[in-house]
C-alpha cells in the first residue's frame, strides 16, 4: 500500500520487486486488497499484445477524515476534511468552539458525514494550538463512537522521514513551542512540546531575527535530544533556515557533543507544506483499520449512549 501511495500505480511485478517478495505472493496480496476495496485494477494500453494491467489505491472502504484544529483568538476553529493520499483535502464541514470537548468533535464529524456513509479513519491535526495534549482522549472517543481507527497526527511526525532512530523536530515559528519525537521500533515515539528543556529564553519570547540566539536555542535542543534519545539523524523542520544559520548550528552542536553529534538535516517548510504532510499522515491512519473488528454499529453512525452507559 505504501509503494502504491508513493508511486501512484504499479504492476504486480513492479510492486513485488519494490517490497522484495515473489510475484506469486504479490498477486495473492493484491487479490485480497482488491477484494477488500483497498486497490483497483486499471487497464493501460501497451505496444502490441494485450493491454497492461496496473494497480492503484482506491481510497479504501469508507472515508478517511482529517480534523484540523486551529486556535483563532479565544475560539477553536474546526475543519472536517476528506483527506487524500496526495495531501489534498475536501472540506466537509466546520465548527467554532470556545472550549473544545470530545463530544464537540463527535458532533462536527456527524454533521459532516452523510447518513449511511462509512468512516474508515479519523486523523486529528493540530500545529500550534496546544490542543494536542488531549489527543488520546479525543482519538479514543472518536474511535469508539464511529468504530474506526483514530489518531493524533503532529507536524513533526508527518514531516520526519520514517527510519529507525530518526528524530524530528518542528519549530513552528514565533510564539510557538517546538514539538518532536523519534522513530523507534517501527513506531513514532512522541516527545510532545519541548519547552521543558533548559534554554536561555522561552520559545514563546524568542526573536527569530536574532540568529545568534536562535543558533544557541536550537543547538541546546539537539544536544538534549541526543543525550536522551541517542538518534542517528535529527531532522529540523522550519521556515526560517538559511545556509549560514544551519552551518553555525552544525558547528555549535559538534562543539557541545564533542564530535559525537547525530547527522543534522534542515528541512525548509511553510504552512501549506506542513498541512499537506499532515493530511497524508492522516490518510495513513486508515491503514490501521485493516482487519479491525467492527461493532454492531457497522454503519459508522454515532452511538447514542444512555445516561447509564
C-alpha atoms as a PDB file:
ATOM      1  CA  UNK A   1       0.000   0.000   0.000  1.00  0.00           C
ATOM      2  CA  UNK A   2       2.827   2.390   0.809  1.00  0.00           C
ATOM      3  CA  UNK A   3       4.533   1.661  -2.514  1.00  0.00           C
ATOM      4  CA  UNK A   4       1.277   2.363  -4.326  1.00  0.00           C
ATOM      5  CA  UNK A   5       0.821   5.598  -2.377  1.00  0.00           C
ATOM      6  CA  UNK A   6       4.333   6.741  -3.312  1.00  0.00           C
ATOM      7  CA  UNK A   7       4.308   5.606  -6.959  1.00  0.00           C
ATOM      8  CA  UNK A   8       0.664   6.269  -7.755  1.00  0.00           C
ATOM      9  CA  UNK A   9       0.280   2.913  -9.529  1.00  0.00           C
ATOM     10  CA  UNK A  10       2.245  -0.203 -10.381  1.00  0.00           C
ATOM     11  CA  UNK A  11       2.066  -3.633 -11.956  1.00  0.00           C
ATOM     12  CA  UNK A  12       2.239  -6.824  -9.938  1.00  0.00           C
ATOM     13  CA  UNK A  13       5.865  -7.356 -10.990  1.00  0.00           C
ATOM     14  CA  UNK A  14       6.862  -3.774 -10.100  1.00  0.00           C
ATOM     15  CA  UNK A  15       5.239  -3.977  -6.658  1.00  0.00           C
ATOM     16  CA  UNK A  16       6.759  -7.404  -5.952  1.00  0.00           C
ATOM     17  CA  UNK A  17      10.218  -6.001  -6.706  1.00  0.00           C
ATOM     18  CA  UNK A  18       9.619  -2.851  -4.651  1.00  0.00           C
ATOM     19  CA  UNK A  19       8.733  -4.757  -1.464  1.00  0.00           C
ATOM     20  CA  UNK A  20      11.021  -7.753  -2.013  1.00  0.00           C
ATOM     21  CA  UNK A  21       8.530 -10.613  -2.429  1.00  0.00           C
ATOM     22  CA  UNK A  22       7.751 -13.066  -5.213  1.00  0.00           C
ATOM     23  CA  UNK A  23       5.219 -12.242  -7.921  1.00  0.00           C
ATOM     24  CA  UNK A  24       3.004 -15.083  -6.667  1.00  0.00           C
ATOM     25  CA  UNK A  25       2.933 -13.580  -3.155  1.00  0.00           C
ATOM     26  CA  UNK A  26       2.344 -10.080  -4.525  1.00  0.00           C
ATOM     27  CA  UNK A  27      -0.501 -11.361  -6.690  1.00  0.00           C
ATOM     28  CA  UNK A  28      -2.213 -13.047  -3.719  1.00  0.00           C
ATOM     29  CA  UNK A  29      -1.901  -9.927  -1.565  1.00  0.00           C
ATOM     30  CA  UNK A  30      -3.187  -7.671  -4.349  1.00  0.00           C
ATOM     31  CA  UNK A  31      -6.094 -10.042  -4.899  1.00  0.00           C
ATOM     32  CA  UNK A  32      -7.002  -9.758  -1.207  1.00  0.00           C
ATOM     33  CA  UNK A  33      -6.597  -5.964  -1.190  1.00  0.00           C
ATOM     34  CA  UNK A  34      -8.762  -5.688  -4.286  1.00  0.00           C
ATOM     35  CA  UNK A  35     -11.478  -7.770  -2.621  1.00  0.00           C
ATOM     36  CA  UNK A  36     -11.332  -5.521   0.458  1.00  0.00           C
ATOM     37  CA  UNK A  37     -11.653  -2.425  -1.722  1.00  0.00           C
ATOM     38  CA  UNK A  38      -8.159  -1.098  -0.960  1.00  0.00           C
ATOM     39  CA  UNK A  39      -6.917  -1.214  -4.581  1.00  0.00           C
ATOM     40  CA  UNK A  40      -8.456  -1.230  -8.025  1.00  0.00           C
ATOM     41  CA  UNK A  41      -7.254  -2.531 -11.397  1.00  0.00           C
ATOM     42  CA  UNK A  42      -6.617  -0.124 -14.254  1.00  0.00           C
ATOM     43  CA  UNK A  43      -6.050  -1.269 -17.829  1.00  0.00           C
ATOM     44  CA  UNK A  44      -3.255   0.505 -19.710  1.00  0.00           C
ATOM     45  CA  UNK A  45      -2.613   0.359 -23.437  1.00  0.00           C
ATOM     46  CA  UNK A  46       0.634  -1.368 -24.421  1.00  0.00           C
ATOM     47  CA  UNK A  47       2.658  -1.545 -27.617  1.00  0.00           C
ATOM     48  CA  UNK A  48       1.331  -4.743 -29.157  1.00  0.00           C
ATOM     49  CA  UNK A  49      -0.202  -7.662 -27.320  1.00  0.00           C
ATOM     50  CA  UNK A  50      -2.951  -7.370 -24.755  1.00  0.00           C
ATOM     51  CA  UNK A  51      -3.414  -4.212 -22.629  1.00  0.00           C
ATOM     52  CA  UNK A  52      -1.280  -3.997 -19.500  1.00  0.00           C
ATOM     53  CA  UNK A  53      -2.796  -4.221 -16.024  1.00  0.00           C
ATOM     54  CA  UNK A  54      -1.707  -1.990 -13.137  1.00  0.00           C
ATOM     55  CA  UNK A  55      -2.995  -1.406  -9.626  1.00  0.00           C
ATOM     56  CA  UNK A  56      -3.697   1.857  -7.822  1.00  0.00           C
ATOM     57  CA  UNK A  57      -5.167   2.895  -4.470  1.00  0.00           C
ATOM     58  CA  UNK A  58      -8.933   3.072  -4.393  1.00  0.00           C
ATOM     59  CA  UNK A  59      -9.139   5.064  -1.160  1.00  0.00           C
ATOM     60  CA  UNK A  60     -10.294   2.107   0.893  1.00  0.00           C
ATOM     61  CA  UNK A  61     -13.774   1.246   2.141  1.00  0.00           C
ATOM     62  CA  UNK A  62     -15.156   4.365   3.735  1.00  0.00           C
ATOM     63  CA  UNK A  63     -13.966   7.926   4.114  1.00  0.00           C
ATOM     64  CA  UNK A  64     -10.662   8.864   5.672  1.00  0.00           C
ATOM     65  CA  UNK A  65     -11.172  12.105   7.549  1.00  0.00           C
ATOM     66  CA  UNK A  66      -8.862  14.769   8.864  1.00  0.00           C
ATOM     67  CA  UNK A  67      -9.995  17.098  11.670  1.00  0.00           C
ATOM     68  CA  UNK A  68      -7.901  20.254  11.583  1.00  0.00           C
ATOM     69  CA  UNK A  69      -7.864  22.198  14.853  1.00  0.00           C
ATOM     70  CA  UNK A  70      -6.790  25.841  14.800  1.00  0.00           C
ATOM     71  CA  UNK A  71      -6.952  28.403  17.581  1.00  0.00           C
ATOM     72  CA  UNK A  72      -8.188  31.825  16.485  1.00  0.00           C
ATOM     73  CA  UNK A  73      -8.026  34.260  19.391  1.00  0.00           C
ATOM     74  CA  UNK A  74     -10.383  32.802  22.041  1.00  0.00           C
ATOM     75  CA  UNK A  75     -12.132  30.448  19.596  1.00  0.00           C
ATOM     76  CA  UNK A  76     -11.048  26.996  18.406  1.00  0.00           C
ATOM     77  CA  UNK A  77     -11.873  26.591  14.712  1.00  0.00           C
ATOM     78  CA  UNK A  78     -12.518  23.026  13.497  1.00  0.00           C
ATOM     79  CA  UNK A  79     -12.435  21.857   9.873  1.00  0.00           C
ATOM     80  CA  UNK A  80     -13.524  18.353   8.888  1.00  0.00           C
ATOM     81  CA  UNK A  81     -11.993  17.240   5.588  1.00  0.00           C
ATOM     82  CA  UNK A  82     -11.917  14.098   3.500  1.00  0.00           C
ATOM     83  CA  UNK A  83      -8.166  13.581   3.078  1.00  0.00           C
ATOM     84  CA  UNK A  84      -6.387  12.131   0.058  1.00  0.00           C
ATOM     85  CA  UNK A  85      -3.049  10.253  -0.146  1.00  0.00           C
ATOM     86  CA  UNK A  86      -1.678  13.222  -2.136  1.00  0.00           C
ATOM     87  CA  UNK A  87      -2.167  15.551   0.840  1.00  0.00           C
ATOM     88  CA  UNK A  88      -5.169  17.360  -0.586  1.00  0.00           C
ATOM     89  CA  UNK A  89      -8.424  17.642   1.329  1.00  0.00           C
ATOM     90  CA  UNK A  90     -12.095  18.151   0.525  1.00  0.00           C
ATOM     91  CA  UNK A  91     -13.914  20.331   3.049  1.00  0.00           C
ATOM     92  CA  UNK A  92     -16.948  18.597   4.564  1.00  0.00           C
ATOM     93  CA  UNK A  93     -17.832  20.868   7.485  1.00  0.00           C
ATOM     94  CA  UNK A  94     -16.662  23.456  10.013  1.00  0.00           C
ATOM     95  CA  UNK A  95     -17.327  24.459  13.596  1.00  0.00           C
ATOM     96  CA  UNK A  96     -16.254  27.030  16.190  1.00  0.00           C
ATOM     97  CA  UNK A  97     -15.949  26.276  19.904  1.00  0.00           C
ATOM     98  CA  UNK A  98     -14.964  28.328  22.926  1.00  0.00           C
ATOM     99  CA  UNK A  99     -13.986  25.169  24.821  1.00  0.00           C
ATOM    100  CA  UNK A 100     -13.402  22.008  22.821  1.00  0.00           C
ATOM    101  CA  UNK A 101     -14.535  18.607  24.102  1.00  0.00           C
ATOM    102  CA  UNK A 102     -14.560  15.132  22.577  1.00  0.00           C
ATOM    103  CA  UNK A 103     -18.338  15.369  22.148  1.00  0.00           C
ATOM    104  CA  UNK A 104     -17.869  18.578  20.137  1.00  0.00           C
ATOM    105  CA  UNK A 105     -15.681  16.744  17.615  1.00  0.00           C
ATOM    106  CA  UNK A 106     -18.179  13.877  17.500  1.00  0.00           C
ATOM    107  CA  UNK A 107     -20.971  16.273  16.596  1.00  0.00           C
ATOM    108  CA  UNK A 108     -18.844  18.017  13.993  1.00  0.00           C
ATOM    109  CA  UNK A 109     -17.996  14.719  12.250  1.00  0.00           C
ATOM    110  CA  UNK A 110     -21.617  13.500  12.434  1.00  0.00           C
ATOM    111  CA  UNK A 111     -22.813  16.681  10.714  1.00  0.00           C
ATOM    112  CA  UNK A 112     -20.111  16.493   8.034  1.00  0.00           C
ATOM    113  CA  UNK A 113     -20.683  12.859   7.063  1.00  0.00           C
ATOM    114  CA  UNK A 114     -23.853  11.953   5.204  1.00  0.00           C
ATOM    115  CA  UNK A 115     -26.147   9.340   6.679  1.00  0.00           C
ATOM    116  CA  UNK A 116     -25.138   5.877   5.517  1.00  0.00           C
ATOM    117  CA  UNK A 117     -21.524   6.860   4.743  1.00  0.00           C
ATOM    118  CA  UNK A 118     -18.829   4.831   6.467  1.00  0.00           C
ATOM    119  CA  UNK A 119     -15.840   6.390   8.191  1.00  0.00           C
ATOM    120  CA  UNK A 120     -12.673   4.355   7.796  1.00  0.00           C
ATOM    121  CA  UNK A 121     -10.358   6.536   9.888  1.00  0.00           C
ATOM    122  CA  UNK A 122     -10.001   9.921  11.552  1.00  0.00           C
ATOM    123  CA  UNK A 123      -6.758  11.853  11.918  1.00  0.00           C
ATOM    124  CA  UNK A 124      -6.584  14.771  14.361  1.00  0.00           C
ATOM    125  CA  UNK A 125      -4.368  17.567  13.040  1.00  0.00           C
ATOM    126  CA  UNK A 126      -3.064  20.439  15.153  1.00  0.00           C
ATOM    127  CA  UNK A 127       0.027  22.605  14.750  1.00  0.00           C
ATOM    128  CA  UNK A 128       0.362  25.278  17.394  1.00  0.00           C
ATOM    129  CA  UNK A 129      -2.925  25.297  19.291  1.00  0.00           C
ATOM    130  CA  UNK A 130      -1.863  23.298  22.351  1.00  0.00           C
ATOM    131  CA  UNK A 131      -4.863  21.028  21.776  1.00  0.00           C
ATOM    132  CA  UNK A 132      -2.594  18.081  21.016  1.00  0.00           C
ATOM    133  CA  UNK A 133      -2.122  17.409  24.722  1.00  0.00           C
ATOM    134  CA  UNK A 134      -5.623  15.873  24.845  1.00  0.00           C
ATOM    135  CA  UNK A 135      -5.202  13.823  21.645  1.00  0.00           C
ATOM    136  CA  UNK A 136      -5.552  10.454  23.409  1.00  0.00           C
ATOM    137  CA  UNK A 137      -8.946  11.345  24.883  1.00  0.00           C
ATOM    138  CA  UNK A 138     -10.240  12.786  21.609  1.00  0.00           C
ATOM    139  CA  UNK A 139      -8.992   9.959  19.369  1.00  0.00           C
ATOM    140  CA  UNK A 140     -10.216   7.223  21.739  1.00  0.00           C
ATOM    141  CA  UNK A 141     -13.680   8.802  21.888  1.00  0.00           C
ATOM    142  CA  UNK A 142     -13.950   9.160  18.096  1.00  0.00           C
ATOM    143  CA  UNK A 143     -12.662   5.628  17.528  1.00  0.00           C
ATOM    144  CA  UNK A 144     -15.258   4.151  19.892  1.00  0.00           C
ATOM    145  CA  UNK A 145     -18.079   6.318  18.537  1.00  0.00           C
ATOM    146  CA  UNK A 146     -17.537   5.742  14.806  1.00  0.00           C
ATOM    147  CA  UNK A 147     -15.891   2.295  15.073  1.00  0.00           C
ATOM    148  CA  UNK A 148     -12.827   3.286  13.080  1.00  0.00           C
ATOM    149  CA  UNK A 149      -9.120   3.925  13.531  1.00  0.00           C
ATOM    150  CA  UNK A 150      -8.295   7.325  15.006  1.00  0.00           C
ATOM    151  CA  UNK A 151      -5.017   9.014  15.977  1.00  0.00           C
ATOM    152  CA  UNK A 152      -3.447  12.424  16.542  1.00  0.00           C
ATOM    153  CA  UNK A 153      -1.016  13.492  13.796  1.00  0.00           C
ATOM    154  CA  UNK A 154       1.579  16.057  14.850  1.00  0.00           C
ATOM    155  CA  UNK A 155       3.620  18.182  12.438  1.00  0.00           C
ATOM    156  CA  UNK A 156       6.946  16.645  13.489  1.00  0.00           C
ATOM    157  CA  UNK A 157       5.657  13.135  12.885  1.00  0.00           C
ATOM    158  CA  UNK A 158       4.193  13.991   9.480  1.00  0.00           C
ATOM    159  CA  UNK A 159       7.323  15.765   8.234  1.00  0.00           C
ATOM    160  CA  UNK A 160      10.020  13.406   9.532  1.00  0.00           C
ATOM    161  CA  UNK A 161      11.278  10.615   7.306  1.00  0.00           C
ATOM    162  CA  UNK A 162      10.430   7.239   8.790  1.00  0.00           C
ATOM    163  CA  UNK A 163      13.508   5.267   9.865  1.00  0.00           C
ATOM    164  CA  UNK A 164      14.972   3.640  12.944  1.00  0.00           C
ATOM    165  CA  UNK A 165      16.372   6.246  15.400  1.00  0.00           C
ATOM    166  CA  UNK A 166      15.440   9.211  13.207  1.00  0.00           C
ATOM    167  CA  UNK A 167      14.313  12.105  15.391  1.00  0.00           C
ATOM    168  CA  UNK A 168      12.274  15.008  14.116  1.00  0.00           C
ATOM    169  CA  UNK A 169      11.583  18.483  15.455  1.00  0.00           C
ATOM    170  CA  UNK A 170       9.098  21.008  14.091  1.00  0.00           C
ATOM    171  CA  UNK A 171       9.785  24.637  15.013  1.00  0.00           C
ATOM    172  CA  UNK A 172       6.546  26.427  14.283  1.00  0.00           C
ATOM    173  CA  UNK A 173       7.924  29.961  14.474  1.00  0.00           C
ATOM    174  CA  UNK A 174       7.037  32.953  16.624  1.00  0.00           C
ATOM    175  CA  UNK A 175       5.146  32.341  19.891  1.00  0.00           C
ATOM    176  CA  UNK A 176       5.100  28.568  19.368  1.00  0.00           C
ATOM    177  CA  UNK A 177       6.871  25.758  21.184  1.00  0.00           C
ATOM    178  CA  UNK A 178       8.760  23.126  19.154  1.00  0.00           C
ATOM    179  CA  UNK A 179       7.342  19.607  19.103  1.00  0.00           C
ATOM    180  CA  UNK A 180       9.313  16.450  18.446  1.00  0.00           C
ATOM    181  CA  UNK A 181       9.644  12.708  18.556  1.00  0.00           C
ATOM    182  CA  UNK A 182      11.683   9.772  17.294  1.00  0.00           C
ATOM    183  CA  UNK A 183      11.039   6.683  15.190  1.00  0.00           C
ATOM    184  CA  UNK A 184      11.900   3.624  17.253  1.00  0.00           C
ATOM    185  CA  UNK A 185      10.772   0.029  16.879  1.00  0.00           C
ATOM    186  CA  UNK A 186       8.683   0.937  13.849  1.00  0.00           C
ATOM    187  CA  UNK A 187       6.613   3.465  15.824  1.00  0.00           C
ATOM    188  CA  UNK A 188       6.666   7.198  16.333  1.00  0.00           C
ATOM    189  CA  UNK A 189       7.528   7.973  19.959  1.00  0.00           C
ATOM    190  CA  UNK A 190       6.204  11.441  20.718  1.00  0.00           C
ATOM    191  CA  UNK A 191       8.273  13.827  22.850  1.00  0.00           C
ATOM    192  CA  UNK A 192       5.496  16.401  22.823  1.00  0.00           C
ATOM    193  CA  UNK A 193       6.156  20.087  23.417  1.00  0.00           C
ATOM    194  CA  UNK A 194       9.849  20.706  24.014  1.00  0.00           C
ATOM    195  CA  UNK A 195       9.559  23.716  26.327  1.00  0.00           C
ATOM    196  CA  UNK A 196      10.633  21.566  29.307  1.00  0.00           C
ATOM    197  CA  UNK A 197      14.240  21.644  28.082  1.00  0.00           C
ATOM    198  CA  UNK A 198      16.637  24.248  29.583  1.00  0.00           C
ATOM    199  CA  UNK A 199      17.105  27.264  27.291  1.00  0.00           C
ATOM    200  CA  UNK A 200      18.293  30.905  27.553  1.00  0.00           C
ATOM    201  CA  UNK A 201      14.757  32.232  26.913  1.00  0.00           C
ATOM    202  CA  UNK A 202      11.295  30.756  26.443  1.00  0.00           C
ATOM    203  CA  UNK A 203      10.370  29.739  22.913  1.00  0.00           C
ATOM    204  CA  UNK A 204       7.258  31.962  23.021  1.00  0.00           C
ATOM    205  CA  UNK A 205       9.505  35.012  23.593  1.00  0.00           C
ATOM    206  CA  UNK A 206      12.220  34.069  21.095  1.00  0.00           C
ATOM    207  CA  UNK A 207      13.031  36.705  18.454  1.00  0.00           C
ATOM    208  CA  UNK A 208      13.712  34.654  15.320  1.00  0.00           C
ATOM    209  CA  UNK A 209      15.517  37.556  13.679  1.00  0.00           C
ATOM    210  CA  UNK A 210      18.248  37.187  16.342  1.00  0.00           C
ATOM    211  CA  UNK A 211      20.182  34.360  14.674  1.00  0.00           C
ATOM    212  CA  UNK A 212      22.765  34.182  17.460  1.00  0.00           C
ATOM    213  CA  UNK A 213      20.072  33.341  19.999  1.00  0.00           C
ATOM    214  CA  UNK A 214      18.254  31.027  17.568  1.00  0.00           C
ATOM    215  CA  UNK A 215      21.515  29.178  16.967  1.00  0.00           C
ATOM    216  CA  UNK A 216      22.062  28.600  20.692  1.00  0.00           C
ATOM    217  CA  UNK A 217      18.446  27.579  21.341  1.00  0.00           C
ATOM    218  CA  UNK A 218      18.385  25.028  18.515  1.00  0.00           C
ATOM    219  CA  UNK A 219      21.851  23.683  19.393  1.00  0.00           C
ATOM    220  CA  UNK A 220      20.787  23.106  23.012  1.00  0.00           C
ATOM    221  CA  UNK A 221      17.611  21.424  21.774  1.00  0.00           C
ATOM    222  CA  UNK A 222      19.594  18.992  19.622  1.00  0.00           C
ATOM    223  CA  UNK A 223      22.047  18.403  22.473  1.00  0.00           C
ATOM    224  CA  UNK A 224      19.258  17.471  24.899  1.00  0.00           C
ATOM    225  CA  UNK A 225      17.517  15.181  22.389  1.00  0.00           C
ATOM    226  CA  UNK A 226      20.837  13.494  21.577  1.00  0.00           C
ATOM    227  CA  UNK A 227      21.580  12.822  25.240  1.00  0.00           C
ATOM    228  CA  UNK A 228      18.088  11.452  25.926  1.00  0.00           C
ATOM    229  CA  UNK A 229      17.237   9.523  22.732  1.00  0.00           C
ATOM    230  CA  UNK A 230      20.638   8.947  21.022  1.00  0.00           C
ATOM    231  CA  UNK A 231      19.290   9.439  17.470  1.00  0.00           C
ATOM    232  CA  UNK A 232      21.362   8.704  14.378  1.00  0.00           C
ATOM    233  CA  UNK A 233      19.671  11.518  12.451  1.00  0.00           C
ATOM    234  CA  UNK A 234      17.875  14.657  13.614  1.00  0.00           C
ATOM    235  CA  UNK A 235      15.598  16.374  11.113  1.00  0.00           C
ATOM    236  CA  UNK A 236      14.773  20.005  11.901  1.00  0.00           C
ATOM    237  CA  UNK A 237      11.734  21.461  10.135  1.00  0.00           C
ATOM    238  CA  UNK A 238      11.175  25.233   9.995  1.00  0.00           C
ATOM    239  CA  UNK A 239      10.559  28.055   7.530  1.00  0.00           C
ATOM    240  CA  UNK A 240      13.499  30.290   8.518  1.00  0.00           C
ATOM    241  CA  UNK A 241      16.593  28.219   7.695  1.00  0.00           C
ATOM    242  CA  UNK A 242      19.431  29.646   5.594  1.00  0.00           C
ATOM    243  CA  UNK A 243      22.860  28.232   4.792  1.00  0.00           C
ATOM    244  CA  UNK A 244      24.745  30.498   7.214  1.00  0.00           C
ATOM    245  CA  UNK A 245      22.462  29.741  10.160  1.00  0.00           C
ATOM    246  CA  UNK A 246      22.470  25.979   9.568  1.00  0.00           C
ATOM    247  CA  UNK A 247      26.272  25.950   9.293  1.00  0.00           C
ATOM    248  CA  UNK A 248      26.585  27.762  12.627  1.00  0.00           C
ATOM    249  CA  UNK A 249      24.148  25.339  14.273  1.00  0.00           C
ATOM    250  CA  UNK A 250      26.118  22.314  12.993  1.00  0.00           C
ATOM    251  CA  UNK A 251      29.354  23.720  14.417  1.00  0.00           C
ATOM    252  CA  UNK A 252      27.699  24.603  17.739  1.00  0.00           C
ATOM    253  CA  UNK A 253      26.206  21.100  18.108  1.00  0.00           C
ATOM    254  CA  UNK A 254      29.521  19.426  17.287  1.00  0.00           C
ATOM    255  CA  UNK A 255      31.233  21.575  19.911  1.00  0.00           C
ATOM    256  CA  UNK A 256      28.638  20.713  22.556  1.00  0.00           C
ATOM    257  CA  UNK A 257      28.683  16.978  21.813  1.00  0.00           C
ATOM    258  CA  UNK A 258      32.448  16.810  21.186  1.00  0.00           C
ATOM    259  CA  UNK A 259      32.209  15.312  17.727  1.00  0.00           C
ATOM    260  CA  UNK A 260      29.620  12.639  18.653  1.00  0.00           C
ATOM    261  CA  UNK A 261      26.726  14.543  17.158  1.00  0.00           C
ATOM    262  CA  UNK A 262      23.979  12.955  15.018  1.00  0.00           C
ATOM    263  CA  UNK A 263      23.574  13.798  11.373  1.00  0.00           C
ATOM    264  CA  UNK A 264      21.566  17.017  11.068  1.00  0.00           C
ATOM    265  CA  UNK A 265      19.083  17.644   8.288  1.00  0.00           C
ATOM    266  CA  UNK A 266      17.421  21.035   7.850  1.00  0.00           C
ATOM    267  CA  UNK A 267      14.079  20.986   6.047  1.00  0.00           C
ATOM    268  CA  UNK A 268      12.567  24.301   4.924  1.00  0.00           C
ATOM    269  CA  UNK A 269       8.771  24.036   5.214  1.00  0.00           C
ATOM    270  CA  UNK A 270       5.922  26.512   5.050  1.00  0.00           C
ATOM    271  CA  UNK A 271       2.418  26.290   6.472  1.00  0.00           C
ATOM    272  CA  UNK A 272       0.975  24.764   3.290  1.00  0.00           C
ATOM    273  CA  UNK A 273       3.670  22.073   3.187  1.00  0.00           C
ATOM    274  CA  UNK A 274       3.037  21.193   6.834  1.00  0.00           C
ATOM    275  CA  UNK A 275      -0.733  20.844   6.367  1.00  0.00           C
ATOM    276  CA  UNK A 276      -0.330  18.670   3.254  1.00  0.00           C
ATOM    277  CA  UNK A 277       2.120  16.411   5.087  1.00  0.00           C
ATOM    278  CA  UNK A 278      -0.304  16.082   7.997  1.00  0.00           C
ATOM    279  CA  UNK A 279      -3.178  15.243   5.647  1.00  0.00           C
ATOM    280  CA  UNK A 280      -1.049  12.494   4.085  1.00  0.00           C
ATOM    281  CA  UNK A 281      -0.272  11.168   7.563  1.00  0.00           C
ATOM    282  CA  UNK A 282      -3.963  11.389   8.495  1.00  0.00           C
ATOM    283  CA  UNK A 283      -4.821   9.347   5.399  1.00  0.00           C
ATOM    284  CA  UNK A 284      -2.353   6.646   6.502  1.00  0.00           C
ATOM    285  CA  UNK A 285      -4.238   6.318   9.801  1.00  0.00           C
ATOM    286  CA  UNK A 286      -6.767   4.368   7.723  1.00  0.00           C
ATOM    287  CA  UNK A 287      -4.185   1.637   7.166  1.00  0.00           C
ATOM    288  CA  UNK A 288      -4.555   0.790  10.861  1.00  0.00           C
ATOM    289  CA  UNK A 289      -8.195  -0.021  10.236  1.00  0.00           C
ATOM    290  CA  UNK A 290      -7.381  -3.057   8.065  1.00  0.00           C
ATOM    291  CA  UNK A 291      -8.736  -6.100   9.807  1.00  0.00           C
ATOM    292  CA  UNK A 292     -10.036  -4.006  12.702  1.00  0.00           C
ATOM    293  CA  UNK A 293     -13.118  -5.671  14.231  1.00  0.00           C
ATOM    294  CA  UNK A 294     -16.241  -3.550  13.969  1.00  0.00           C
ATOM    295  CA  UNK A 295     -19.047  -3.426  16.476  1.00  0.00           C
ATOM    296  CA  UNK A 296     -22.729  -3.823  15.762  1.00  0.00           C
ATOM    297  CA  UNK A 297     -22.853  -0.230  14.592  1.00  0.00           C
ATOM    298  CA  UNK A 298     -21.236  -1.113  11.265  1.00  0.00           C
ATOM    299  CA  UNK A 299     -22.693   1.933   9.540  1.00  0.00           C
ATOM    300  CA  UNK A 300     -20.420   4.284  11.479  1.00  0.00           C
ATOM    301  CA  UNK A 301     -23.277   6.424  12.729  1.00  0.00           C
ATOM    302  CA  UNK A 302     -22.628   7.889  16.191  1.00  0.00           C
ATOM    303  CA  UNK A 303     -23.543   5.643  19.076  1.00  0.00           C
ATOM    304  CA  UNK A 304     -26.173   7.322  21.238  1.00  0.00           C
ATOM    305  CA  UNK A 305     -25.486   6.145  24.749  1.00  0.00           C
ATOM    306  CA  UNK A 306     -27.907   6.239  27.652  1.00  0.00           C
ATOM    307  CA  UNK A 307     -27.086   8.093  30.832  1.00  0.00           C
ATOM    308  CA  UNK A 308     -26.372   4.736  32.488  1.00  0.00           C
ATOM    309  CA  UNK A 309     -23.823   3.814  29.774  1.00  0.00           C
END
